[in-house]
Amino acid sequence: MVNQDCYILAVETSCDETSAAVVKNGTEVLSNLIASQIETHKAFGGVVPEVASRKHVENITLMLEEAIRQANIEPEELSAIAVTEGPGLVGALLVGIMAAKSLAFALDKPLIGTHHIAGHIYANRLVQPIEYPCVALVVSGGHTELVLMEQEGSFKLIGQTRDDAVGEAYDKVARALGFPYPGGPHVDKLALEAEQSEELPRAWLEPDSYDFSFSGLKSAVLNAVNQHKMRGEEGYQPAIARGFQESVIEVLVEKAIRAIRSTGAKQLLLCGGVAANRGLRASLSERCKSEQISLIIPPFKYCTDNAAMIGAAAYLKWKESKFSDLELKADPSLSLEEWLLEV
């Protein structure tokens, strides 16, 4: 199978983006469509699972058809159908899985259940080749993790958040500062424009730990906001946004660099929705340059949830003929470390 071109139609519906893509040989994106639900969920201040599922149902069929059309191939030329099986919102996942299973059955093509975080990690391979061993810094709305990859498809979790993920912390802080959902981009923009920074704590945890904790920082922000309000002060938001972002970035960057050094990894990969944060991208790039560490950061279009990254990760299973059967189920707690071992 590896001697002929592989065309994977990928489906991603783990949260509030409906996406379909066609990826050639795991690295070449022939099409990548994304239907965002941000405007829908903004009214609720966050993602409403039932609403997200209904929106996926409305969008999925047309997006699959359009992804194939834009790729300029016939459905019969597809090599496999890949779909996110977890983690994510169970109802949202099920919409994509049912669509992928139906198409795989109709076209008599292999089905490949794919891990959402493996997708974020392998989005980097859409940019340039990955060198092993490497370390992936995964930062998103639901995940903050350091993953050691000693070889292709080998995932070892060496650090993770003990409470809030980075994306969650950004959204909660944004809400405290008066910004709408999704709050991350607002905080990032305000932090970069701020002239002053309010000092906020860093949670380093144990000296040798690669874990993260952001709940204390979030509480410190809420306390600072309340103190300013009690004193009747105004215009404090930029300084708090900058202080918060500096605290988050310093801990993320320091632990990622330390993980690279201690494991002897050749490369650092930045992955996940928060990889679009301009402050984090700039700080990590500058630090890796000074430390002479090879760094891959995907372009903005491959940072947020998208199907192209699912096609890139699914290619790992395609090469090993590890296909899913039509009884594939949504698994909101799917293990990254065990995903590629599944048949």
C-alpha atoms as a PDB file:
ATOM      1  CA  MET A   1       0.000   0.000   0.000  1.00  0.00           C
ATOM      2  CA  VAL A   2       2.873   2.379   0.704  1.00  0.00           C
ATOM      3  CA  ASN A   3       4.104   2.108  -2.901  1.00  0.00           C
ATOM      4  CA  GLN A   4       1.018   3.769  -4.328  1.00  0.00           C
ATOM      5  CA  ASP A   5      -0.504   7.163  -3.620  1.00  0.00           C
ATOM      6  CA  CYS A   6      -2.833   7.201  -0.646  1.00  0.00           C
ATOM      7  CA  TYR A   7      -5.836   9.534  -0.613  1.00  0.00           C
ATOM      8  CA  ILE A   8      -7.511   9.789   2.785  1.00  0.00           C
ATOM      9  CA  LEU A   9     -10.822  11.579   3.234  1.00  0.00           C
ATOM     10  CA  ALA A  10     -10.773  12.798   6.831  1.00  0.00           C
ATOM     11  CA  VAL A  11     -13.614  13.946   9.079  1.00  0.00           C
ATOM     12  CA  GLU A  12     -13.293  16.035  12.263  1.00  0.00           C
ATOM     13  CA  THR A  13     -16.292  16.823  14.499  1.00  0.00           C
ATOM     14  CA  SER A  14     -14.880  16.525  18.017  1.00  0.00           C
ATOM     15  CA  CYS A  15     -16.149  19.883  19.280  1.00  0.00           C
ATOM     16  CA  ASP A  16     -17.575  22.941  17.522  1.00  0.00           C
ATOM     17  CA  GLU A  17     -15.905  22.845  14.095  1.00  0.00           C
ATOM     18  CA  THR A  18     -17.192  20.641  11.299  1.00  0.00           C
ATOM     19  CA  SER A  19     -14.302  19.816   9.003  1.00  0.00           C
ATOM     20  CA  ALA A  20     -13.611  17.555   6.019  1.00  0.00           C
ATOM     21  CA  ALA A  21     -10.349  17.206   4.097  1.00  0.00           C
ATOM     22  CA  VAL A  22      -8.540  15.067   1.580  1.00  0.00           C
ATOM     23  CA  VAL A  23      -4.871  14.401   2.354  1.00  0.00           C
ATOM     24  CA  LYS A  24      -2.447  12.716  -0.043  1.00  0.00           C
ATOM     25  CA  ASN A  25       0.260  10.462   1.413  1.00  0.00           C
ATOM     26  CA  GLY A  26      -0.108  11.972   4.871  1.00  0.00           C
ATOM     27  CA  THR A  27       1.537  15.279   3.965  1.00  0.00           C
ATOM     28  CA  GLU A  28      -0.144  16.961   0.991  1.00  0.00           C
ATOM     29  CA  VAL A  29      -3.454  18.725   1.680  1.00  0.00           C
ATOM     30  CA  LEU A  30      -5.681  18.619  -1.398  1.00  0.00           C
ATOM     31  CA  SER A  31      -8.663  20.176   0.367  1.00  0.00           C
ATOM     32  CA  ASN A  32      -9.476  21.270   3.912  1.00  0.00           C
ATOM     33  CA  LEU A  33     -12.896  22.746   4.699  1.00  0.00           C
ATOM     34  CA  ILE A  34     -13.900  24.074   8.116  1.00  0.00           C
ATOM     35  CA  ALA A  35     -17.333  25.275   9.217  1.00  0.00           C
ATOM     36  CA  SER A  36     -16.936  27.182  12.474  1.00  0.00           C
ATOM     37  CA  GLN A  37     -19.730  27.477  15.043  1.00  0.00           C
ATOM     38  CA  ILE A  38     -18.192  30.341  16.998  1.00  0.00           C
ATOM     39  CA  GLU A  39     -20.972  32.807  16.234  1.00  0.00           C
ATOM     40  CA  THR A  40     -23.603  30.257  17.294  1.00  0.00           C
ATOM     41  CA  HIS A  41     -21.998  29.464  20.650  1.00  0.00           C
ATOM     42  CA  LYS A  42     -20.939  33.041  21.407  1.00  0.00           C
ATOM     43  CA  ALA A  43     -24.462  33.777  22.630  1.00  0.00           C
ATOM     44  CA  PHE A  44     -24.093  31.056  25.288  1.00  0.00           C
ATOM     45  CA  GLY A  45     -20.594  32.047  26.420  1.00  0.00           C
ATOM     46  CA  GLY A  46     -19.193  28.618  25.507  1.00  0.00           C
ATOM     47  CA  VAL A  47     -19.824  25.461  23.535  1.00  0.00           C
ATOM     48  CA  VAL A  48     -23.244  23.852  24.062  1.00  0.00           C
ATOM     49  CA  PRO A  49     -22.793  20.141  23.172  1.00  0.00           C
ATOM     50  CA  GLU A  50     -26.348  19.554  21.890  1.00  0.00           C
ATOM     51  CA  VAL A  51     -26.215  22.620  19.667  1.00  0.00           C
ATOM     52  CA  ALA A  52     -22.783  21.601  18.348  1.00  0.00           C
ATOM     53  CA  SER A  53     -24.096  18.155  17.394  1.00  0.00           C
ATOM     54  CA  ARG A  54     -27.056  19.590  15.500  1.00  0.00           C
ATOM     55  CA  LYS A  55     -24.797  21.959  13.576  1.00  0.00           C
ATOM     56  CA  HIS A  56     -22.544  19.044  12.608  1.00  0.00           C
ATOM     57  CA  VAL A  57     -25.565  17.173  11.266  1.00  0.00           C
ATOM     58  CA  GLU A  58     -26.537  20.192   9.162  1.00  0.00           C
ATOM     59  CA  ASN A  59     -23.058  20.625   7.663  1.00  0.00           C
ATOM     60  CA  ILE A  60     -21.396  17.241   7.348  1.00  0.00           C
ATOM     61  CA  THR A  61     -22.858  15.839   4.095  1.00  0.00           C
ATOM     62  CA  LEU A  62     -22.256  18.942   2.010  1.00  0.00           C
ATOM     63  CA  MET A  63     -18.748  19.326   3.413  1.00  0.00           C
ATOM     64  CA  LEU A  64     -17.787  15.754   2.536  1.00  0.00           C
ATOM     65  CA  GLU A  65     -18.992  16.259  -1.016  1.00  0.00           C
ATOM     66  CA  GLU A  66     -17.190  19.593  -1.350  1.00  0.00           C
ATOM     67  CA  ALA A  67     -13.922  18.235   0.105  1.00  0.00           C
ATOM     68  CA  ILE A  68     -13.841  15.517  -2.556  1.00  0.00           C
ATOM     69  CA  ARG A  69     -14.762  17.980  -5.292  1.00  0.00           C
ATOM     70  CA  GLN A  70     -12.055  20.477  -4.298  1.00  0.00           C
ATOM     71  CA  ALA A  71      -9.482  17.673  -4.156  1.00  0.00           C
ATOM     72  CA  ASN A  72     -10.282  17.013  -7.824  1.00  0.00           C
ATOM     73  CA  ILE A  73     -10.614  13.258  -7.382  1.00  0.00           C
ATOM     74  CA  GLU A  74     -13.461  10.789  -7.695  1.00  0.00           C
ATOM     75  CA  PRO A  75     -14.871   9.110  -4.584  1.00  0.00           C
ATOM     76  CA  GLU A  76     -13.717   5.741  -5.922  1.00  0.00           C
ATOM     77  CA  GLU A  77     -10.099   6.979  -5.892  1.00  0.00           C
ATOM     78  CA  LEU A  78     -10.128   7.394  -2.113  1.00  0.00           C
ATOM     79  CA  SER A  79      -7.912   4.957  -0.232  1.00  0.00           C
ATOM     80  CA  ALA A  80      -9.629   5.230   3.150  1.00  0.00           C
ATOM     81  CA  ILE A  81     -12.033   7.251   5.287  1.00  0.00           C
ATOM     82  CA  ALA A  82     -10.588   8.619   8.541  1.00  0.00           C
ATOM     83  CA  VAL A  83     -12.550  10.115  11.409  1.00  0.00           C
ATOM     84  CA  THR A  84     -11.864  11.448  14.889  1.00  0.00           C
ATOM     85  CA  GLU A  85     -13.049   8.829  17.392  1.00  0.00           C
ATOM     86  CA  GLY A  86     -11.916  10.730  20.484  1.00  0.00           C
ATOM     87  CA  PRO A  87     -11.349  12.555  22.675  1.00  0.00           C
ATOM     88  CA  GLY A  88     -14.097  15.144  22.374  1.00  0.00           C
ATOM     89  CA  LEU A  89     -17.809  15.711  22.948  1.00  0.00           C
ATOM     90  CA  VAL A  90     -19.513  12.349  22.550  1.00  0.00           C
ATOM     91  CA  GLY A  91     -22.505  13.640  20.599  1.00  0.00           C
ATOM     92  CA  ALA A  92     -20.336  15.664  18.250  1.00  0.00           C
ATOM     93  CA  LEU A  93     -17.972  12.735  17.715  1.00  0.00           C
ATOM     94  CA  LEU A  94     -20.875  10.444  16.870  1.00  0.00           C
ATOM     95  CA  VAL A  95     -22.036  12.666  14.010  1.00  0.00           C
ATOM     96  CA  GLY A  96     -18.666  12.426  12.294  1.00  0.00           C
ATOM     97  CA  ILE A  97     -18.299   8.725  13.018  1.00  0.00           C
ATOM     98  CA  MET A  98     -21.702   7.852  11.598  1.00  0.00           C
ATOM     99  CA  ALA A  99     -20.998   9.892   8.449  1.00  0.00           C
ATOM    100  CA  ALA A 100     -17.575   8.288   8.001  1.00  0.00           C
ATOM    101  CA  LYS A 101     -18.886   4.769   8.583  1.00  0.00           C
ATOM    102  CA  SER A 102     -21.712   5.296   6.105  1.00  0.00           C
ATOM    103  CA  LEU A 103     -19.328   6.558   3.433  1.00  0.00           C
ATOM    104  CA  ALA A 104     -16.788   3.806   4.066  1.00  0.00           C
ATOM    105  CA  PHE A 105     -19.530   1.197   3.733  1.00  0.00           C
ATOM    106  CA  ALA A 106     -20.999   2.772   0.588  1.00  0.00           C
ATOM    107  CA  LEU A 107     -17.619   3.057  -1.147  1.00  0.00           C
ATOM    108  CA  ASP A 108     -16.230  -0.192   0.309  1.00  0.00           C
ATOM    109  CA  LYS A 109     -13.193   1.641   1.688  1.00  0.00           C
ATOM    110  CA  PRO A 110     -11.221   1.031   4.912  1.00  0.00           C
ATOM    111  CA  LEU A 111     -12.249   3.044   7.985  1.00  0.00           C
ATOM    112  CA  ILE A 112      -9.581   4.565  10.237  1.00  0.00           C
ATOM    113  CA  GLY A 113     -10.532   5.772  13.730  1.00  0.00           C
ATOM    114  CA  THR A 114      -8.122   8.582  14.641  1.00  0.00           C
ATOM    115  CA  HIS A 115      -7.013  10.266  17.862  1.00  0.00           C
ATOM    116  CA  HIS A 116      -7.719  13.990  18.020  1.00  0.00           C
ATOM    117  CA  ILE A 117      -4.446  14.897  19.776  1.00  0.00           C
ATOM    118  CA  ALA A 118      -2.422  12.685  17.432  1.00  0.00           C
ATOM    119  CA  GLY A 119      -3.982  14.837  14.725  1.00  0.00           C
ATOM    120  CA  HIS A 120      -2.805  18.062  16.362  1.00  0.00           C
ATOM    121  CA  ILE A 121       0.697  16.615  16.708  1.00  0.00           C
ATOM    122  CA  TYR A 122       0.909  15.373  13.122  1.00  0.00           C
ATOM    123  CA  ALA A 123      -0.401  18.672  11.766  1.00  0.00           C
ATOM    124  CA  ASN A 124       3.269  19.587  12.047  1.00  0.00           C
ATOM    125  CA  ARG A 125       4.128  17.010   9.381  1.00  0.00           C
ATOM    126  CA  LEU A 126       2.021  19.049   6.957  1.00  0.00           C
ATOM    127  CA  VAL A 127       4.700  21.735   7.370  1.00  0.00           C
ATOM    128  CA  GLN A 128       7.979  19.778   7.298  1.00  0.00           C
ATOM    129  CA  PRO A 129       9.347  16.316   8.169  1.00  0.00           C
ATOM    130  CA  ILE A 130       9.405  15.383  11.860  1.00  0.00           C
ATOM    131  CA  GLU A 131      12.708  14.213  13.363  1.00  0.00           C
ATOM    132  CA  TYR A 132      12.691  11.618  16.131  1.00  0.00           C
ATOM    133  CA  PRO A 133      12.954  11.572  19.059  1.00  0.00           C
ATOM    134  CA  CYS A 134      10.925  14.744  19.529  1.00  0.00           C
ATOM    135  CA  VAL A 135       8.727  16.419  22.136  1.00  0.00           C
ATOM    136  CA  ALA A 136       5.269  17.807  21.390  1.00  0.00           C
ATOM    137  CA  LEU A 137       3.847  20.656  23.469  1.00  0.00           C
ATOM    138  CA  VAL A 138       0.083  20.267  23.142  1.00  0.00           C
ATOM    139  CA  VAL A 139      -1.904  23.367  24.138  1.00  0.00           C
ATOM    140  CA  SER A 140      -5.634  23.572  23.480  1.00  0.00           C
ATOM    141  CA  GLY A 141      -8.998  24.218  25.077  1.00  0.00           C
ATOM    142  CA  GLY A 142      -9.137  20.794  26.671  1.00  0.00           C
ATOM    143  CA  HIS A 143      -5.515  19.634  26.755  1.00  0.00           C
ATOM    144  CA  THR A 144      -2.144  20.849  27.998  1.00  0.00           C
ATOM    145  CA  GLU A 145       0.439  18.097  27.653  1.00  0.00           C
ATOM    146  CA  LEU A 146       4.072  17.306  26.936  1.00  0.00           C
ATOM    147  CA  VAL A 147       4.381  14.198  24.778  1.00  0.00           C
ATOM    148  CA  LEU A 148       7.656  12.387  24.098  1.00  0.00           C
ATOM    149  CA  MET A 149       7.787  10.634  20.729  1.00  0.00           C
ATOM    150  CA  GLU A 150      10.798   8.316  20.487  1.00  0.00           C
ATOM    151  CA  GLN A 151       9.778   7.172  17.017  1.00  0.00           C
ATOM    152  CA  GLU A 152       6.935   7.656  14.546  1.00  0.00           C
ATOM    153  CA  GLY A 153       3.571   6.947  16.145  1.00  0.00           C
ATOM    154  CA  SER A 154       5.039   6.370  19.624  1.00  0.00           C
ATOM    155  CA  PHE A 155       3.411   8.621  22.220  1.00  0.00           C
ATOM    156  CA  LYS A 156       4.567   8.842  25.841  1.00  0.00           C
ATOM    157  CA  LEU A 157       2.846  11.372  28.086  1.00  0.00           C
ATOM    158  CA  ILE A 158       5.492  12.966  30.305  1.00  0.00           C
ATOM    159  CA  GLY A 159       3.518  15.970  31.553  1.00  0.00           C
ATOM    160  CA  GLN A 160      -0.070  17.187  31.701  1.00  0.00           C
ATOM    161  CA  THR A 161      -2.280  19.756  33.402  1.00  0.00           C
ATOM    162  CA  ARG A 162      -3.562  18.861  36.846  1.00  0.00           C
ATOM    163  CA  ASP A 163      -6.579  21.159  36.527  1.00  0.00           C
ATOM    164  CA  ASP A 164      -7.486  23.675  33.810  1.00  0.00           C
ATOM    165  CA  ALA A 165      -6.086  23.365  30.299  1.00  0.00           C
ATOM    166  CA  VAL A 166      -4.460  26.510  28.898  1.00  0.00           C
ATOM    167  CA  GLY A 167      -7.388  27.244  26.591  1.00  0.00           C
ATOM    168  CA  GLU A 168      -9.866  26.922  29.457  1.00  0.00           C
ATOM    169  CA  ALA A 169      -7.811  29.314  31.580  1.00  0.00           C
ATOM    170  CA  TYR A 170      -7.708  31.858  28.748  1.00  0.00           C
ATOM    171  CA  ASP A 171     -11.478  31.712  28.282  1.00  0.00           C
ATOM    172  CA  LYS A 172     -12.153  32.096  32.009  1.00  0.00           C
ATOM    173  CA  VAL A 173      -9.745  35.013  32.339  1.00  0.00           C
ATOM    174  CA  ALA A 174     -11.254  36.631  29.240  1.00  0.00           C
ATOM    175  CA  ARG A 175     -14.707  36.363  30.794  1.00  0.00           C
ATOM    176  CA  ALA A 176     -13.413  38.050  33.971  1.00  0.00           C
ATOM    177  CA  LEU A 177     -12.004  40.867  31.837  1.00  0.00           C
ATOM    178  CA  GLY A 178     -15.299  41.312  30.013  1.00  0.00           C
ATOM    179  CA  PHE A 179     -14.523  39.633  26.687  1.00  0.00           C
ATOM    180  CA  PRO A 180     -16.912  37.320  24.806  1.00  0.00           C
ATOM    181  CA  TYR A 181     -16.310  33.665  23.898  1.00  0.00           C
ATOM    182  CA  PRO A 182     -13.867  32.560  22.593  1.00  0.00           C
ATOM    183  CA  GLY A 183     -11.700  34.701  24.838  1.00  0.00           C
ATOM    184  CA  GLY A 184      -8.186  33.528  23.989  1.00  0.00           C
ATOM    185  CA  PRO A 185      -7.591  35.789  20.958  1.00  0.00           C
ATOM    186  CA  HIS A 186      -8.885  38.834  22.881  1.00  0.00           C
ATOM    187  CA  VAL A 187      -6.498  38.240  25.792  1.00  0.00           C
ATOM    188  CA  ASP A 188      -3.592  37.603  23.416  1.00  0.00           C
ATOM    189  CA  LYS A 189      -4.236  40.851  21.525  1.00  0.00           C
ATOM    190  CA  LEU A 190      -4.651  42.909  24.697  1.00  0.00           C
ATOM    191  CA  ALA A 191      -1.502  41.400  26.237  1.00  0.00           C
ATOM    192  CA  LEU A 192       0.617  42.243  23.199  1.00  0.00           C
ATOM    193  CA  GLU A 193      -0.646  45.852  23.174  1.00  0.00           C
ATOM    194  CA  ALA A 194      -0.275  46.433  26.941  1.00  0.00           C
ATOM    195  CA  GLU A 195       2.452  48.822  28.134  1.00  0.00           C
ATOM    196  CA  GLN A 196       2.505  47.471  31.688  1.00  0.00           C
ATOM    197  CA  SER A 197       2.266  44.042  33.277  1.00  0.00           C
ATOM    198  CA  GLU A 198       0.622  43.063  36.542  1.00  0.00           C
ATOM    199  CA  GLU A 199       2.740  40.565  38.473  1.00  0.00           C
ATOM    200  CA  LEU A 200       0.992  37.204  38.760  1.00  0.00           C
ATOM    201  CA  PRO A 201       2.184  33.842  40.151  1.00  0.00           C
ATOM    202  CA  ARG A 202       3.852  30.971  38.269  1.00  0.00           C
ATOM    203  CA  ALA A 203       2.951  27.385  39.211  1.00  0.00           C
ATOM    204  CA  TRP A 204       6.170  25.380  38.777  1.00  0.00           C
ATOM    205  CA  LEU A 205       5.024  22.448  40.974  1.00  0.00           C
ATOM    206  CA  GLU A 206       7.733  19.923  41.984  1.00  0.00           C
ATOM    207  CA  PRO A 207      11.289  20.677  40.747  1.00  0.00           C
ATOM    208  CA  ASP A 208      11.374  17.677  38.398  1.00  0.00           C
ATOM    209  CA  SER A 209       7.733  17.794  37.307  1.00  0.00           C
ATOM    210  CA  TYR A 210       6.614  18.409  33.738  1.00  0.00           C
ATOM    211  CA  ASP A 211       2.989  18.809  34.855  1.00  0.00           C
ATOM    212  CA  PHE A 212       1.095  22.084  34.667  1.00  0.00           C
ATOM    213  CA  SER A 213      -1.437  23.872  36.879  1.00  0.00           C
ATOM    214  CA  PHE A 214      -3.380  26.975  35.926  1.00  0.00           C
ATOM    215  CA  SER A 215      -6.225  27.083  38.459  1.00  0.00           C
ATOM    216  CA  GLY A 216      -4.165  29.115  40.939  1.00  0.00           C
ATOM    217  CA  LEU A 217      -3.226  31.620  38.253  1.00  0.00           C
ATOM    218  CA  LYS A 218      -6.857  31.906  37.214  1.00  0.00           C
ATOM    219  CA  SER A 219      -7.855  32.576  40.828  1.00  0.00           C
ATOM    220  CA  ALA A 220      -5.112  35.199  41.137  1.00  0.00           C
ATOM    221  CA  VAL A 221      -6.495  36.982  38.091  1.00  0.00           C
ATOM    222  CA  LEU A 222     -10.023  36.956  39.499  1.00  0.00           C
ATOM    223  CA  ASN A 223      -8.709  38.320  42.808  1.00  0.00           C
ATOM    224  CA  ALA A 224      -6.775  41.078  41.011  1.00  0.00           C
ATOM    225  CA  VAL A 225      -9.855  42.081  39.013  1.00  0.00           C
ATOM    226  CA  ASN A 226     -11.959  42.235  42.184  1.00  0.00           C
ATOM    227  CA  GLN A 227      -9.320  44.345  43.962  1.00  0.00           C
ATOM    228  CA  HIS A 228      -9.264  46.861  41.121  1.00  0.00           C
ATOM    229  CA  LYS A 229     -13.067  47.034  41.085  1.00  0.00           C
ATOM    230  CA  MET A 230     -13.263  47.526  44.872  1.00  0.00           C
ATOM    231  CA  ARG A 231     -10.851  50.459  44.572  1.00  0.00           C
ATOM    232  CA  GLY A 232     -12.927  51.914  41.765  1.00  0.00           C
ATOM    233  CA  GLU A 233     -10.034  51.723  39.314  1.00  0.00           C
ATOM    234  CA  GLU A 234     -10.412  51.521  35.556  1.00  0.00           C
ATOM    235  CA  GLY A 235      -8.159  50.561  32.641  1.00  0.00           C
ATOM    236  CA  TYR A 236      -6.518  47.672  34.495  1.00  0.00           C
ATOM    237  CA  GLN A 237      -7.442  45.016  31.914  1.00  0.00           C
ATOM    238  CA  PRO A 238      -4.367  45.307  29.626  1.00  0.00           C
ATOM    239  CA  ALA A 239      -1.877  44.929  32.487  1.00  0.00           C
ATOM    240  CA  ILE A 240      -3.707  41.876  33.842  1.00  0.00           C
ATOM    241  CA  ALA A 241      -3.926  40.313  30.373  1.00  0.00           C
ATOM    242  CA  ARG A 242      -0.203  40.806  29.858  1.00  0.00           C
ATOM    243  CA  GLY A 243       0.656  39.503  33.328  1.00  0.00           C
ATOM    244  CA  PHE A 244      -1.515  36.438  32.812  1.00  0.00           C
ATOM    245  CA  GLN A 245      -0.062  35.689  29.383  1.00  0.00           C
ATOM    246  CA  GLU A 246       3.521  36.165  30.585  1.00  0.00           C
ATOM    247  CA  SER A 247       2.908  33.727  33.440  1.00  0.00           C
ATOM    248  CA  VAL A 248       1.384  31.078  31.163  1.00  0.00           C
ATOM    249  CA  ILE A 249       4.046  31.407  28.475  1.00  0.00           C
ATOM    250  CA  GLU A 250       7.000  31.347  30.873  1.00  0.00           C
ATOM    251  CA  VAL A 251       5.888  28.053  32.424  1.00  0.00           C
ATOM    252  CA  LEU A 252       5.022  26.447  29.072  1.00  0.00           C
ATOM    253  CA  VAL A 253       8.291  27.461  27.434  1.00  0.00           C
ATOM    254  CA  GLU A 254      10.550  26.578  30.371  1.00  0.00           C
ATOM    255  CA  LYS A 255       9.059  23.123  30.851  1.00  0.00           C
ATOM    256  CA  ALA A 256       9.119  22.381  27.127  1.00  0.00           C
ATOM    257  CA  ILE A 257      12.790  23.372  26.838  1.00  0.00           C
ATOM    258  CA  ARG A 258      13.667  21.329  29.913  1.00  0.00           C
ATOM    259  CA  ALA A 259      11.866  18.322  28.444  1.00  0.00           C
ATOM    260  CA  ILE A 260      13.887  18.655  25.236  1.00  0.00           C
ATOM    261  CA  ARG A 261      17.158  18.797  27.162  1.00  0.00           C
ATOM    262  CA  SER A 262      16.419  15.924  29.530  1.00  0.00           C
ATOM    263  CA  THR A 263      15.151  13.543  26.831  1.00  0.00           C
ATOM    264  CA  GLY A 264      17.746  14.349  24.171  1.00  0.00           C
ATOM    265  CA  ALA A 265      14.971  15.097  21.677  1.00  0.00           C
ATOM    266  CA  LYS A 266      15.913  16.548  18.296  1.00  0.00           C
ATOM    267  CA  GLN A 267      12.847  18.665  17.746  1.00  0.00           C
ATOM    268  CA  LEU A 268      10.046  20.522  19.529  1.00  0.00           C
ATOM    269  CA  LEU A 269       6.551  20.558  18.046  1.00  0.00           C
ATOM    270  CA  LEU A 270       3.916  23.113  19.031  1.00  0.00           C
ATOM    271  CA  CYS A 271       0.402  21.721  18.668  1.00  0.00           C
ATOM    272  CA  GLY A 272      -3.241  22.616  19.383  1.00  0.00           C
ATOM    273  CA  GLY A 273      -5.558  25.587  19.208  1.00  0.00           C
ATOM    274  CA  VAL A 274      -3.514  27.732  21.602  1.00  0.00           C
ATOM    275  CA  ALA A 275      -0.568  27.271  19.201  1.00  0.00           C
ATOM    276  CA  ALA A 276      -2.241  30.157  17.349  1.00  0.00           C
ATOM    277  CA  ASN A 277      -1.426  32.449  20.295  1.00  0.00           C
ATOM    278  CA  ARG A 278       0.989  35.036  18.925  1.00  0.00           C
ATOM    279  CA  GLY A 279       2.704  35.645  22.243  1.00  0.00           C
ATOM    280  CA  LEU A 280       3.438  31.947  22.724  1.00  0.00           C
ATOM    281  CA  ARG A 281       4.624  31.499  19.128  1.00  0.00           C
ATOM    282  CA  ALA A 282       7.006  34.459  19.408  1.00  0.00           C
ATOM    283  CA  SER A 283       8.423  33.503  22.811  1.00  0.00           C
ATOM    284  CA  LEU A 284       8.912  29.855  21.925  1.00  0.00           C
ATOM    285  CA  SER A 285      10.541  30.756  18.593  1.00  0.00           C
ATOM    286  CA  GLU A 286      12.935  33.200  20.253  1.00  0.00           C
ATOM    287  CA  ARG A 287      13.889  30.760  23.027  1.00  0.00           C
ATOM    288  CA  CYS A 288      14.399  27.831  20.660  1.00  0.00           C
ATOM    289  CA  LYS A 289      16.553  29.996  18.407  1.00  0.00           C
ATOM    290  CA  SER A 290      18.791  31.019  21.317  1.00  0.00           C
ATOM    291  CA  GLU A 291      18.964  27.405  22.547  1.00  0.00           C
ATOM    292  CA  GLN A 292      19.555  26.095  18.989  1.00  0.00           C
ATOM    293  CA  ILE A 293      16.534  23.790  19.193  1.00  0.00           C
ATOM    294  CA  SER A 294      14.663  22.801  16.038  1.00  0.00           C
ATOM    295  CA  LEU A 295      11.065  24.004  16.345  1.00  0.00           C
ATOM    296  CA  ILE A 296       8.015  23.342  14.172  1.00  0.00           C
ATOM    297  CA  ILE A 297       4.938  25.546  14.505  1.00  0.00           C
ATOM    298  CA  PRO A 298       2.034  24.834  12.143  1.00  0.00           C
ATOM    299  CA  PRO A 299       0.372  27.736  10.324  1.00  0.00           C
ATOM    300  CA  PHE A 300      -2.750  29.168  11.932  1.00  0.00           C
ATOM    301  CA  LYS A 301      -5.078  27.146   9.662  1.00  0.00           C
ATOM    302  CA  TYR A 302      -3.707  23.866  11.067  1.00  0.00           C
ATOM    303  CA  CYS A 303      -3.682  24.955  14.741  1.00  0.00           C
ATOM    304  CA  THR A 304      -7.413  24.907  15.412  1.00  0.00           C
ATOM    305  CA  ASP A 305      -9.503  21.763  14.880  1.00  0.00           C
ATOM    306  CA  ASN A 306      -9.346  20.691  11.239  1.00  0.00           C
ATOM    307  CA  ALA A 307      -9.655  17.502   9.234  1.00  0.00           C
ATOM    308  CA  ALA A 308      -6.315  17.822   7.420  1.00  0.00           C
ATOM    309  CA  MET A 309      -4.512  17.010  10.672  1.00  0.00           C
ATOM    310  CA  ILE A 310      -6.733  13.930  11.111  1.00  0.00           C
ATOM    311  CA  GLY A 311      -5.769  12.765   7.622  1.00  0.00           C
ATOM    312  CA  ALA A 312      -2.086  13.252   8.475  1.00  0.00           C
ATOM    313  CA  ALA A 313      -2.353  11.165  11.659  1.00  0.00           C
ATOM    314  CA  ALA A 314      -4.540   8.504  10.029  1.00  0.00           C
ATOM    315  CA  TYR A 315      -1.777   7.856   7.503  1.00  0.00           C
ATOM    316  CA  LEU A 316       0.198   6.205  10.336  1.00  0.00           C
ATOM    317  CA  LYS A 317      -2.462   3.515  10.611  1.00  0.00           C
ATOM    318  CA  TRP A 318      -2.896   3.293   6.851  1.00  0.00           C
ATOM    319  CA  LYS A 319       0.754   2.337   6.420  1.00  0.00           C
ATOM    320  CA  GLU A 320       0.323  -0.500   8.900  1.00  0.00           C
ATOM    321  CA  SER A 321      -3.102  -1.586   7.574  1.00  0.00           C
ATOM    322  CA  LYS A 322      -4.612  -0.983  11.006  1.00  0.00           C
ATOM    323  CA  PHE A 323      -8.226  -0.328  10.144  1.00  0.00           C
ATOM    324  CA  SER A 324     -11.346   0.052  12.258  1.00  0.00           C
ATOM    325  CA  ASP A 325     -14.472  -2.018  11.777  1.00  0.00           C
ATOM    326  CA  LEU A 326     -17.955  -0.599  11.256  1.00  0.00           C
ATOM    327  CA  GLU A 327     -18.681  -1.013  14.969  1.00  0.00           C
ATOM    328  CA  LEU A 328     -16.348   1.921  15.725  1.00  0.00           C
ATOM    329  CA  LYS A 329     -17.685   3.954  18.654  1.00  0.00           C
ATOM    330  CA  ALA A 330     -17.001   7.419  19.974  1.00  0.00           C
ATOM    331  CA  ASP A 331     -14.524   7.362  22.861  1.00  0.00           C
ATOM    332  CA  PRO A 332     -14.346  10.717  24.721  1.00  0.00           C
ATOM    333  CA  SER A 333     -11.471   9.414  26.894  1.00  0.00           C
ATOM    334  CA  LEU A 334      -9.455   7.690  24.163  1.00  0.00           C
ATOM    335  CA  SER A 335      -5.836   7.139  25.255  1.00  0.00           C
ATOM    336  CA  LEU A 336      -3.173   8.749  23.073  1.00  0.00           C
ATOM    337  CA  GLU A 337      -0.479   6.341  24.265  1.00  0.00           C
ATOM    338  CA  GLU A 338      -2.529   3.310  23.252  1.00  0.00           C
ATOM    339  CA  TRP A 339      -4.205   4.644  20.094  1.00  0.00           C
ATOM    340  CA  LEU A 340      -1.743   3.405  17.477  1.00  0.00           C
ATOM    341  CA  LEU A 341      -1.571   0.001  19.163  1.00  0.00           C
ATOM    342  CA  GLU A 342      -5.248  -0.565  18.430  1.00  0.00           C
ATOM    343  CA  VAL A 343      -6.198  -2.721  15.450  1.00  0.00           C
END
